[in-house]
Amino acid sequence: GLLVEGMDAFDVKRGKSCNSRYTATAALQNNIAANFSAYYNFHEEIKNNMDLLKRCIDEIELNNYFDSSCCGMATYPDCLLDESESSNVACPI
């Protein structure tokens, strides 16, 4: 009788509650997974571009050009260069 009817009502309410929470949780999980995938793909693209950049630009030589052409300027930190190390390259800053 009454106990069985109460259990049935409880089961119905529990089912509705679980279903509503499951749907929201599943949607959130899918959203997080999609975002993670997009961020991962973006990271891989940036990593590949940085590897390409590192192969194409000689960082030490580029720094030497900046040191020699911008030394002593207000927009560049002080540096110690001999007159013989000065560059004919204009400072890009």
Protein backbone atom coordinates (compact mmCIF):
# COMPACT_ATOMS: atom_id res chain seq x y z
CA GLY A 1 0.00 0.00 0.00
CA LEU A 2 1.10 3.32 1.24
CA LEU A 3 4.79 2.42 1.59
CA VAL A 4 4.98 1.20 -2.01
CA GLU A 5 3.25 4.35 -3.30
CA GLY A 6 5.70 6.50 -1.33
CA MET A 7 8.64 4.58 -2.78
CA ASP A 8 7.23 5.00 -6.30
CA ALA A 9 6.88 8.76 -5.81
CA PHE A 10 10.39 8.90 -4.36
CA ASP A 11 11.78 6.99 -7.35
CA VAL A 12 10.06 9.34 -9.80
CA LYS A 13 11.40 12.44 -8.04
CA ARG A 14 14.88 10.91 -7.75
CA GLY A 15 14.84 10.04 -11.46
CA LYS A 16 13.80 13.57 -12.46
CA SER A 17 16.46 15.10 -10.21
CA CYS A 18 19.21 12.82 -11.47
CA ASN A 19 18.23 13.33 -15.10
CA SER A 20 18.22 17.11 -14.82
CA ARG A 21 21.62 17.12 -13.13
CA TYR A 22 23.04 14.59 -15.60
CA THR A 23 22.02 16.68 -18.60
CA ALA A 24 23.65 19.83 -17.22
CA THR A 25 26.77 17.95 -16.13
CA ALA A 26 27.10 16.14 -19.46
CA ALA A 27 26.72 19.42 -21.36
CA LEU A 28 29.37 21.05 -19.15
CA GLN A 29 31.72 18.12 -19.64
CA ASN A 30 31.26 18.26 -23.42
CA ASN A 31 31.90 22.01 -23.39
CA ILE A 32 35.07 21.59 -21.32
CA ALA A 33 36.29 18.80 -23.60
CA ALA A 34 35.68 20.94 -26.70
CA ASN A 35 37.50 23.90 -25.15
CA PHE A 36 40.41 21.70 -24.13
CA SER A 37 40.66 20.31 -27.64
CA ALA A 38 40.63 23.82 -29.13
CA TYR A 39 43.28 25.05 -26.67
CA TYR A 40 45.43 21.99 -27.33
CA ASN A 41 45.22 22.50 -31.10
CA PHE A 42 46.06 26.20 -30.70
CA HIS A 43 49.05 25.31 -28.50
CA GLU A 44 50.31 22.80 -31.08
CA GLU A 45 50.01 25.41 -33.85
CA ILE A 46 51.89 28.02 -31.81
CA LYS A 47 54.56 25.45 -30.87
CA ASN A 48 55.07 24.56 -34.53
CA ASN A 49 55.29 28.24 -35.48
CA MET A 50 57.80 28.90 -32.71
CA ASP A 51 59.94 25.98 -33.89
CA LEU A 52 59.87 27.41 -37.40
CA LEU A 53 60.79 30.84 -36.08
CA LYS A 54 63.71 29.42 -34.10
CA ARG A 55 65.04 27.72 -37.23
CA CYS A 56 64.71 30.87 -39.36
CA ILE A 57 66.08 33.57 -37.03
CA ASP A 58 69.54 33.68 -35.53
CA GLU A 59 68.66 35.09 -32.12
CA ILE A 60 72.28 35.74 -31.10
CA GLU A 61 73.02 37.66 -34.30
CA LEU A 62 69.78 39.65 -33.97
CA ASN A 63 70.66 40.58 -30.38
CA ASN A 64 74.13 41.65 -31.51
CA TYR A 65 72.57 44.01 -34.09
CA PHE A 66 70.34 45.54 -31.43
CA ASP A 67 73.25 45.89 -29.00
CA SER A 68 75.48 47.57 -31.54
CA SER A 69 72.90 49.85 -33.15
CA CYS A 70 70.85 50.89 -30.09
CA CYS A 71 73.54 51.07 -27.42
CA GLY A 72 73.22 54.18 -25.29
CA MET A 73 69.81 55.23 -26.58
CA ALA A 74 67.13 56.21 -24.09
CA THR A 75 64.82 53.42 -25.27
CA TYR A 76 67.45 50.70 -24.88
CA PRO A 77 69.27 49.58 -21.74
CA ASP A 78 72.84 50.72 -21.26
CA CYS A 79 75.39 48.39 -22.74
CA LEU A 80 79.13 48.20 -22.95
CA LEU A 81 80.47 48.22 -26.50
CA ASP A 82 83.78 49.27 -27.88
CA GLU A 83 83.80 51.81 -30.69
CA SER A 84 84.99 48.99 -32.95
CA GLU A 85 81.76 47.09 -32.27
CA SER A 86 79.47 49.94 -33.30
CA SER A 87 77.14 49.19 -36.17
CA ASN A 88 76.10 51.02 -39.30
CA VAL A 89 72.65 49.54 -38.85
CA ALA A 90 70.02 52.03 -37.68
CA CYS A 91 68.35 51.23 -34.38
CA PRO A 92 64.78 50.06 -35.14
CA ILE A 93 63.45 51.29 -31.82
